[in-house]
Amino acid sequence: MKQEFKRKNSEIEKRIEKLEEEKMCLSLDVNVQKMEFEKVKKEKRKIEEDRDNLKKHYKKAQVTLKRVGLGRSPE
């Protein structure tokens, strides 16, 4: 019985070690995905800021064209 207990205990310890390794790998994967998510989030924010700036410049250009009279079609 003692040998059986030691054998089972050894098997359980090996399984625990394997599970701990898997947990560590999964934790690393989660950290990598979090970093990638933050990177994409920053890129999205930058793109939205650039888009908003382009909209502002476009509106200013339209106003300028109207003032100058270039935005009108000849009748």
PDB file of N, CA and C in Angstrom:
ATOM      1  N   MET A   1       0.834  -1.190   0.000  1.00  0.00           N
ATOM      2  CA  MET A   1       0.000   0.000   0.000  1.00  0.00           C
ATOM      3  C   MET A   1       0.872   1.245   0.000  1.00  0.00           C
ATOM      4  N   LYS A   2       1.949   1.179   0.724  1.00  0.00           N
ATOM      5  CA  LYS A   2       2.826   2.334   0.803  1.00  0.00           C
ATOM      6  C   LYS A   2       3.425   2.642  -0.571  1.00  0.00           C
ATOM      7  N   GLN A   3       3.829   1.585  -1.276  1.00  0.00           N
ATOM      8  CA  GLN A   3       4.392   1.778  -2.612  1.00  0.00           C
ATOM      9  C   GLN A   3       3.340   2.337  -3.579  1.00  0.00           C
ATOM     10  N   GLU A   4       2.131   1.807  -3.460  1.00  0.00           N
ATOM     11  CA  GLU A   4       1.033   2.297  -4.306  1.00  0.00           C
ATOM     12  C   GLU A   4       0.776   3.778  -4.033  1.00  0.00           C
ATOM     13  N   PHE A   5       0.786   4.142  -2.787  1.00  0.00           N
ATOM     14  CA  PHE A   5       0.586   5.545  -2.410  1.00  0.00           C
ATOM     15  C   PHE A   5       1.696   6.420  -2.995  1.00  0.00           C
ATOM     16  N   LYS A   6       2.947   5.968  -2.864  1.00  0.00           N
ATOM     17  CA  LYS A   6       4.073   6.737  -3.403  1.00  0.00           C
ATOM     18  C   LYS A   6       3.966   6.879  -4.921  1.00  0.00           C
ATOM     19  N   ARG A   7       3.566   5.810  -5.583  1.00  0.00           N
ATOM     20  CA  ARG A   7       3.421   5.843  -7.040  1.00  0.00           C
ATOM     21  C   ARG A   7       2.341   6.842  -7.459  1.00  0.00           C
ATOM     22  N   LYS A   8       1.196   6.767  -6.807  1.00  0.00           N
ATOM     23  CA  LYS A   8       0.101   7.687  -7.128  1.00  0.00           C
ATOM     24  C   LYS A   8       0.473   9.124  -6.788  1.00  0.00           C
ATOM     25  N   ASN A   9       1.152   9.292  -5.679  1.00  0.00           N
ATOM     26  CA  ASN A   9       1.601  10.621  -5.275  1.00  0.00           C
ATOM     27  C   ASN A   9       2.561  11.191  -6.322  1.00  0.00           C
ATOM     28  N   SER A  10       3.456  10.362  -6.810  1.00  0.00           N
ATOM     29  CA  SER A  10       4.404  10.781  -7.830  1.00  0.00           C
ATOM     30  C   SER A  10       3.671  11.184  -9.115  1.00  0.00           C
ATOM     31  N   GLU A  11       2.677  10.392  -9.511  1.00  0.00           N
ATOM     32  CA  GLU A  11       1.890  10.707 -10.705  1.00  0.00           C
ATOM     33  C   GLU A  11       1.159  12.041 -10.535  1.00  0.00           C
ATOM     34  N   ILE A  12       0.599  12.230  -9.388  1.00  0.00           N
ATOM     35  CA  ILE A  12      -0.134  13.478  -9.113  1.00  0.00           C
ATOM     36  C   ILE A  12       0.819  14.672  -9.130  1.00  0.00           C
ATOM     37  N   GLU A  13       1.997  14.504  -8.568  1.00  0.00           N
ATOM     38  CA  GLU A  13       2.980  15.588  -8.575  1.00  0.00           C
ATOM     39  C   GLU A  13       3.389  15.954 -10.003  1.00  0.00           C
ATOM     40  N   LYS A  14       3.564  14.940 -10.845  1.00  0.00           N
ATOM     41  CA  LYS A  14       3.913  15.190 -12.247  1.00  0.00           C
ATOM     42  C   LYS A  14       2.789  15.935 -12.963  1.00  0.00           C
ATOM     43  N   ARG A  15       1.553  15.523 -12.692  1.00  0.00           N
ATOM     44  CA  ARG A  15       0.407  16.203 -13.304  1.00  0.00           C
ATOM     45  C   ARG A  15       0.317  17.647 -12.842  1.00  0.00           C
ATOM     46  N   ILE A  16       0.585  17.863 -11.561  1.00  0.00           N
ATOM     47  CA  ILE A  16       0.558  19.222 -11.007  1.00  0.00           C
ATOM     48  C   ILE A  16       1.631  20.079 -11.681  1.00  0.00           C
ATOM     49  N   GLU A  17       2.827  19.539 -11.837  1.00  0.00           N
ATOM     50  CA  GLU A  17       3.909  20.277 -12.498  1.00  0.00           C
ATOM     51  C   GLU A  17       3.528  20.626 -13.932  1.00  0.00           C
ATOM     52  N   LYS A  18       2.932  19.653 -14.626  1.00  0.00           N
ATOM     53  CA  LYS A  18       2.517  19.885 -16.002  1.00  0.00           C
ATOM     54  C   LYS A  18       1.443  20.972 -16.072  1.00  0.00           C
ATOM     55  N   LEU A  19       0.490  20.910 -15.170  1.00  0.00           N
ATOM     56  CA  LEU A  19      -0.571  21.919 -15.134  1.00  0.00           C
ATOM     57  C   LEU A  19      -0.010  23.303 -14.806  1.00  0.00           C
ATOM     58  N   GLU A  20       0.964  23.366 -13.927  1.00  0.00           N
ATOM     59  CA  GLU A  20       1.583  24.651 -13.587  1.00  0.00           C
ATOM     60  C   GLU A  20       2.320  25.229 -14.792  1.00  0.00           C
ATOM     61  N   GLU A  21       2.991  24.367 -15.567  1.00  0.00           N
ATOM     62  CA  GLU A  21       3.667  24.824 -16.776  1.00  0.00           C
ATOM     63  C   GLU A  21       2.645  25.363 -17.784  1.00  0.00           C
ATOM     64  N   GLU A  22       1.539  24.636 -17.952  1.00  0.00           N
ATOM     65  CA  GLU A  22       0.488  25.075 -18.867  1.00  0.00           C
ATOM     66  C   GLU A  22      -0.107  26.403 -18.409  1.00  0.00           C
ATOM     67  N   LYS A  23      -0.287  26.532 -17.103  1.00  0.00           N
ATOM     68  CA  LYS A  23      -0.819  27.773 -16.547  1.00  0.00           C
ATOM     69  C   LYS A  23       0.125  28.934 -16.855  1.00  0.00           C
ATOM     70  N   MET A  24       1.420  28.707 -16.703  1.00  0.00           N
ATOM     71  CA  MET A  24       2.399  29.747 -16.976  1.00  0.00           C
ATOM     72  C   MET A  24       2.354  30.144 -18.452  1.00  0.00           C
ATOM     73  N   CYS A  25       2.272  29.152 -19.327  1.00  0.00           N
ATOM     74  CA  CYS A  25       2.203  29.437 -20.762  1.00  0.00           C
ATOM     75  C   CYS A  25       0.935  30.216 -21.104  1.00  0.00           C
ATOM     76  N   LEU A  26      -0.172  29.812 -20.519  1.00  0.00           N
ATOM     77  CA  LEU A  26      -1.430  30.514 -20.767  1.00  0.00           C
ATOM     78  C   LEU A  26      -1.378  31.940 -20.238  1.00  0.00           C
ATOM     79  N   SER A  27      -0.735  32.110 -19.115  1.00  0.00           N
ATOM     80  CA  SER A  27      -0.583  33.441 -18.551  1.00  0.00           C
ATOM     81  C   SER A  27       0.237  34.327 -19.480  1.00  0.00           C
ATOM     82  N   LEU A  28       1.302  33.766 -20.037  1.00  0.00           N
ATOM     83  CA  LEU A  28       2.123  34.512 -20.989  1.00  0.00           C
ATOM     84  C   LEU A  28       1.322  34.866 -22.232  1.00  0.00           C
ATOM     85  N   ASP A  29       0.516  33.915 -22.719  1.00  0.00           N
ATOM     86  CA  ASP A  29      -0.326  34.176 -23.882  1.00  0.00           C
ATOM     87  C   ASP A  29      -1.297  35.318 -23.608  1.00  0.00           C
ATOM     88  N   VAL A  30      -1.883  35.317 -22.430  1.00  0.00           N
ATOM     89  CA  VAL A  30      -2.822  36.373 -22.058  1.00  0.00           C
ATOM     90  C   VAL A  30      -2.106  37.721 -22.031  1.00  0.00           C
ATOM     91  N   ASN A  31      -0.913  37.749 -21.474  1.00  0.00           N
ATOM     92  CA  ASN A  31      -0.156  39.000 -21.414  1.00  0.00           C
ATOM     93  C   ASN A  31       0.173  39.517 -22.812  1.00  0.00           C
ATOM     94  N   VAL A  32       0.553  38.611 -23.703  1.00  0.00           N
ATOM     95  CA  VAL A  32       0.856  39.006 -25.083  1.00  0.00           C
ATOM     96  C   VAL A  32      -0.390  39.564 -25.751  1.00  0.00           C
ATOM     97  N   GLN A  33      -1.524  38.904 -25.552  1.00  0.00           N
ATOM     98  CA  GLN A  33      -2.759  39.377 -26.162  1.00  0.00           C
ATOM     99  C   GLN A  33      -3.180  40.723 -25.591  1.00  0.00           C
ATOM    100  N   LYS A  34      -2.970  40.942 -24.309  1.00  0.00           N
ATOM    101  CA  LYS A  34      -3.281  42.236 -23.711  1.00  0.00           C
ATOM    102  C   LYS A  34      -2.422  43.328 -24.333  1.00  0.00           C
ATOM    103  N   MET A  35      -1.136  43.030 -24.517  1.00  0.00           N
ATOM    104  CA  MET A  35      -0.235  44.008 -25.123  1.00  0.00           C
ATOM    105  C   MET A  35      -0.653  44.324 -26.560  1.00  0.00           C
ATOM    106  N   GLU A  36      -1.011  43.289 -27.296  1.00  0.00           N
ATOM    107  CA  GLU A  36      -1.462  43.501 -28.678  1.00  0.00           C
ATOM    108  C   GLU A  36      -2.751  44.312 -28.706  1.00  0.00           C
ATOM    109  N   PHE A  37      -3.659  44.035 -27.789  1.00  0.00           N
ATOM    110  CA  PHE A  37      -4.913  44.777 -27.716  1.00  0.00           C
ATOM    111  C   PHE A  37      -4.648  46.251 -27.437  1.00  0.00           C
ATOM    112  N   GLU A  38      -3.764  46.530 -26.495  1.00  0.00           N
ATOM    113  CA  GLU A  38      -3.431  47.918 -26.170  1.00  0.00           C
ATOM    114  C   GLU A  38      -2.800  48.618 -27.366  1.00  0.00           C
ATOM    115  N   LYS A  39      -1.967  47.906 -28.094  1.00  0.00           N
ATOM    116  CA  LYS A  39      -1.330  48.484 -29.276  1.00  0.00           C
ATOM    117  C   LYS A  39      -2.387  48.835 -30.328  1.00  0.00           C
ATOM    118  N   VAL A  40      -3.304  47.913 -30.583  1.00  0.00           N
ATOM    119  CA  VAL A  40      -4.366  48.154 -31.558  1.00  0.00           C
ATOM    120  C   VAL A  40      -5.258  49.304 -31.100  1.00  0.00           C
ATOM    121  N   LYS A  41      -5.534  49.351 -29.820  1.00  0.00           N
ATOM    122  CA  LYS A  41      -6.369  50.420 -29.263  1.00  0.00           C
ATOM    123  C   LYS A  41      -5.712  51.789 -29.471  1.00  0.00           C
ATOM    124  N   LYS A  42      -4.394  51.875 -29.236  1.00  0.00           N
ATOM    125  CA  LYS A  42      -3.669  53.124 -29.455  1.00  0.00           C
ATOM    126  C   LYS A  42      -3.679  53.506 -30.929  1.00  0.00           C
ATOM    127  N   GLU A  43      -3.471  52.522 -31.807  1.00  0.00           N
ATOM    128  CA  GLU A  43      -3.488  52.785 -33.240  1.00  0.00           C
ATOM    129  C   GLU A  43      -4.861  53.291 -33.678  1.00  0.00           C
ATOM    130  N   LYS A  44      -5.906  52.693 -33.142  1.00  0.00           N
ATOM    131  CA  LYS A  44      -7.268  53.113 -33.486  1.00  0.00           C
ATOM    132  C   LYS A  44      -7.492  54.551 -33.047  1.00  0.00           C
ATOM    133  N   ARG A  45      -7.062  54.880 -31.830  1.00  0.00           N
ATOM    134  CA  ARG A  45      -7.217  56.234 -31.316  1.00  0.00           C
ATOM    135  C   ARG A  45      -6.487  57.240 -32.217  1.00  0.00           C
ATOM    136  N   LYS A  46      -5.270  56.885 -32.645  1.00  0.00           N
ATOM    137  CA  LYS A  46      -4.484  57.756 -33.517  1.00  0.00           C
ATOM    138  C   LYS A  46      -5.182  57.935 -34.855  1.00  0.00           C
ATOM    139  N   ILE A  47      -5.698  56.864 -35.414  1.00  0.00           N
ATOM    140  CA  ILE A  47      -6.402  56.933 -36.695  1.00  0.00           C
ATOM    141  C   ILE A  47      -7.640  57.816 -36.567  1.00  0.00           C
ATOM    142  N   GLU A  48      -8.376  57.673 -35.480  1.00  0.00           N
ATOM    143  CA  GLU A  48      -9.563  58.505 -35.279  1.00  0.00           C
ATOM    144  C   GLU A  48      -9.186  59.976 -35.137  1.00  0.00           C
ATOM    145  N   GLU A  49      -8.082  60.264 -34.435  1.00  0.00           N
ATOM    146  CA  GLU A  49      -7.624  61.643 -34.313  1.00  0.00           C
ATOM    147  C   GLU A  49      -7.240  62.200 -35.686  1.00  0.00           C
ATOM    148  N   ASP A  50      -6.519  61.397 -36.473  1.00  0.00           N
ATOM    149  CA  ASP A  50      -6.139  61.835 -37.816  1.00  0.00           C
ATOM    150  C   ASP A  50      -7.376  62.091 -38.678  1.00  0.00           C
ATOM    151  N   ARG A  51      -8.359  61.215 -38.578  1.00  0.00           N
ATOM    152  CA  ARG A  51      -9.597  61.384 -39.341  1.00  0.00           C
ATOM    153  C   ARG A  51     -10.299  62.668 -38.940  1.00  0.00           C
ATOM    154  N   ASP A  52     -10.384  62.923 -37.640  1.00  0.00           N
ATOM    155  CA  ASP A  52     -11.031  64.142 -37.161  1.00  0.00           C
ATOM    156  C   ASP A  52     -10.292  65.382 -37.650  1.00  0.00           C
ATOM    157  N   ASN A  53      -8.958  65.337 -37.639  1.00  0.00           N
ATOM    158  CA  ASN A  53      -8.170  66.465 -38.146  1.00  0.00           C
ATOM    159  C   ASN A  53      -8.419  66.683 -39.638  1.00  0.00           C
ATOM    160  N   LEU A  54      -8.497  65.588 -40.394  1.00  0.00           N
ATOM    161  CA  LEU A  54      -8.780  65.707 -41.823  1.00  0.00           C
ATOM    162  C   LEU A  54     -10.158  66.319 -42.063  1.00  0.00           C
ATOM    163  N   LYS A  55     -11.131  65.934 -41.252  1.00  0.00           N
ATOM    164  CA  LYS A  55     -12.473  66.510 -41.387  1.00  0.00           C
ATOM    165  C   LYS A  55     -12.438  68.016 -41.135  1.00  0.00           C
ATOM    166  N   LYS A  56     -11.709  68.428 -40.106  1.00  0.00           N
ATOM    167  CA  LYS A  56     -11.601  69.854 -39.789  1.00  0.00           C
ATOM    168  C   LYS A  56     -10.950  70.614 -40.936  1.00  0.00           C
ATOM    169  N   HIS A  57      -9.855  70.073 -41.459  1.00  0.00           N
ATOM    170  CA  HIS A  57      -9.163  70.731 -42.567  1.00  0.00           C
ATOM    171  C   HIS A  57     -10.047  70.788 -43.809  1.00  0.00           C
ATOM    172  N   TYR A  58     -10.807  69.741 -44.059  1.00  0.00           N
ATOM    173  CA  TYR A  58     -11.710  69.716 -45.205  1.00  0.00           C
ATOM    174  C   TYR A  58     -12.775  70.789 -45.063  1.00  0.00           C
ATOM    175  N   LYS A  59     -13.349  70.902 -43.866  1.00  0.00           N
ATOM    176  CA  LYS A  59     -14.378  71.922 -43.649  1.00  0.00           C
ATOM    177  C   LYS A  59     -13.802  73.319 -43.822  1.00  0.00           C
ATOM    178  N   LYS A  60     -12.586  73.555 -43.305  1.00  0.00           N
ATOM    179  CA  LYS A  60     -11.942  74.855 -43.475  1.00  0.00           C
ATOM    180  C   LYS A  60     -11.693  75.145 -44.945  1.00  0.00           C
ATOM    181  N   ALA A  61     -11.266  74.131 -45.686  1.00  0.00           N
ATOM    182  CA  ALA A  61     -11.019  74.308 -47.119  1.00  0.00           C
ATOM    183  C   ALA A  61     -12.309  74.626 -47.848  1.00  0.00           C
ATOM    184  N   GLN A  62     -13.403  73.978 -47.471  1.00  0.00           N
ATOM    185  CA  GLN A  62     -14.699  74.248 -48.107  1.00  0.00           C
ATOM    186  C   GLN A  62     -15.132  75.689 -47.846  1.00  0.00           C
ATOM    187  N   VAL A  63     -14.957  76.148 -46.608  1.00  0.00           N
ATOM    188  CA  VAL A  63     -15.321  77.523 -46.265  1.00  0.00           C
ATOM    189  C   VAL A  63     -14.473  78.502 -47.075  1.00  0.00           C
ATOM    190  N   THR A  64     -13.194  78.233 -47.180  1.00  0.00           N
ATOM    191  CA  THR A  64     -12.300  79.099 -47.948  1.00  0.00           C
ATOM    192  C   THR A  64     -12.706  79.129 -49.410  1.00  0.00           C
ATOM    193  N   LEU A  65     -13.025  77.968 -49.972  1.00  0.00           N
ATOM    194  CA  LEU A  65     -13.447  77.918 -51.376  1.00  0.00           C
ATOM    195  C   LEU A  65     -14.744  78.696 -51.595  1.00  0.00           C
ATOM    196  N   LYS A  66     -15.653  78.624 -50.669  1.00  0.00           N
ATOM    197  CA  LYS A  66     -16.915  79.372 -50.801  1.00  0.00           C
ATOM    198  C   LYS A  66     -16.652  80.865 -50.750  1.00  0.00           C
ATOM    199  N   ARG A  67     -15.761  81.293 -49.867  1.00  0.00           N
ATOM    200  CA  ARG A  67     -15.433  82.712 -49.757  1.00  0.00           C
ATOM    201  C   ARG A  67     -14.818  83.233 -51.049  1.00  0.00           C
ATOM    202  N   VAL A  68     -13.941  82.445 -51.626  1.00  0.00           N
ATOM    203  CA  VAL A  68     -13.259  82.857 -52.838  1.00  0.00           C
ATOM    204  C   VAL A  68     -14.173  82.737 -54.048  1.00  0.00           C
ATOM    205  N   GLY A  69     -15.142  81.874 -53.956  1.00  0.00           N
ATOM    206  CA  GLY A  69     -16.083  81.700 -55.055  1.00  0.00           C
ATOM    207  C   GLY A  69     -15.709  80.566 -55.968  1.00  0.00           C
ATOM    208  N   LEU A  70     -14.756  79.771 -55.613  1.00  0.00           N
ATOM    209  CA  LEU A  70     -14.342  78.659 -56.465  1.00  0.00           C
ATOM    210  C   LEU A  70     -15.247  77.447 -56.308  1.00  0.00           C
ATOM    211  N   GLY A  71     -16.042  77.424 -55.275  1.00  0.00           N
ATOM    212  CA  GLY A  71     -16.900  76.266 -55.025  1.00  0.00           C
ATOM    213  C   GLY A  71     -18.212  76.313 -55.793  1.00  0.00           C
ATOM    214  N   ARG A  72     -18.406  77.395 -56.568  1.00  0.00           N
ATOM    215  CA  ARG A  72     -19.679  77.540 -57.293  1.00  0.00           C
ATOM    216  C   ARG A  72     -19.533  77.020 -58.721  1.00  0.00           C
ATOM    217  N   SER A  73     -20.617  76.490 -59.214  1.00  0.00           N
ATOM    218  CA  SER A  73     -20.618  76.068 -60.615  1.00  0.00           C
ATOM    219  C   SER A  73     -21.206  77.196 -61.451  1.00  0.00           C
ATOM    220  N   PRO A  74     -20.682  77.413 -62.659  1.00  0.00           N
ATOM    221  CA  PRO A  74     -21.200  78.510 -63.484  1.00  0.00           C
ATOM    222  C   PRO A  74     -22.613  78.195 -63.965  1.00  0.00           C
ATOM    223  N   GLU A  75     -23.446  79.221 -63.969  1.00  0.00           N
ATOM    224  CA  GLU A  75     -24.842  79.025 -64.399  1.00  0.00           C
ATOM    225  C   GLU A  75     -25.078  79.607 -65.752  1.00  0.00           C
TER     226      GLU A  75
END
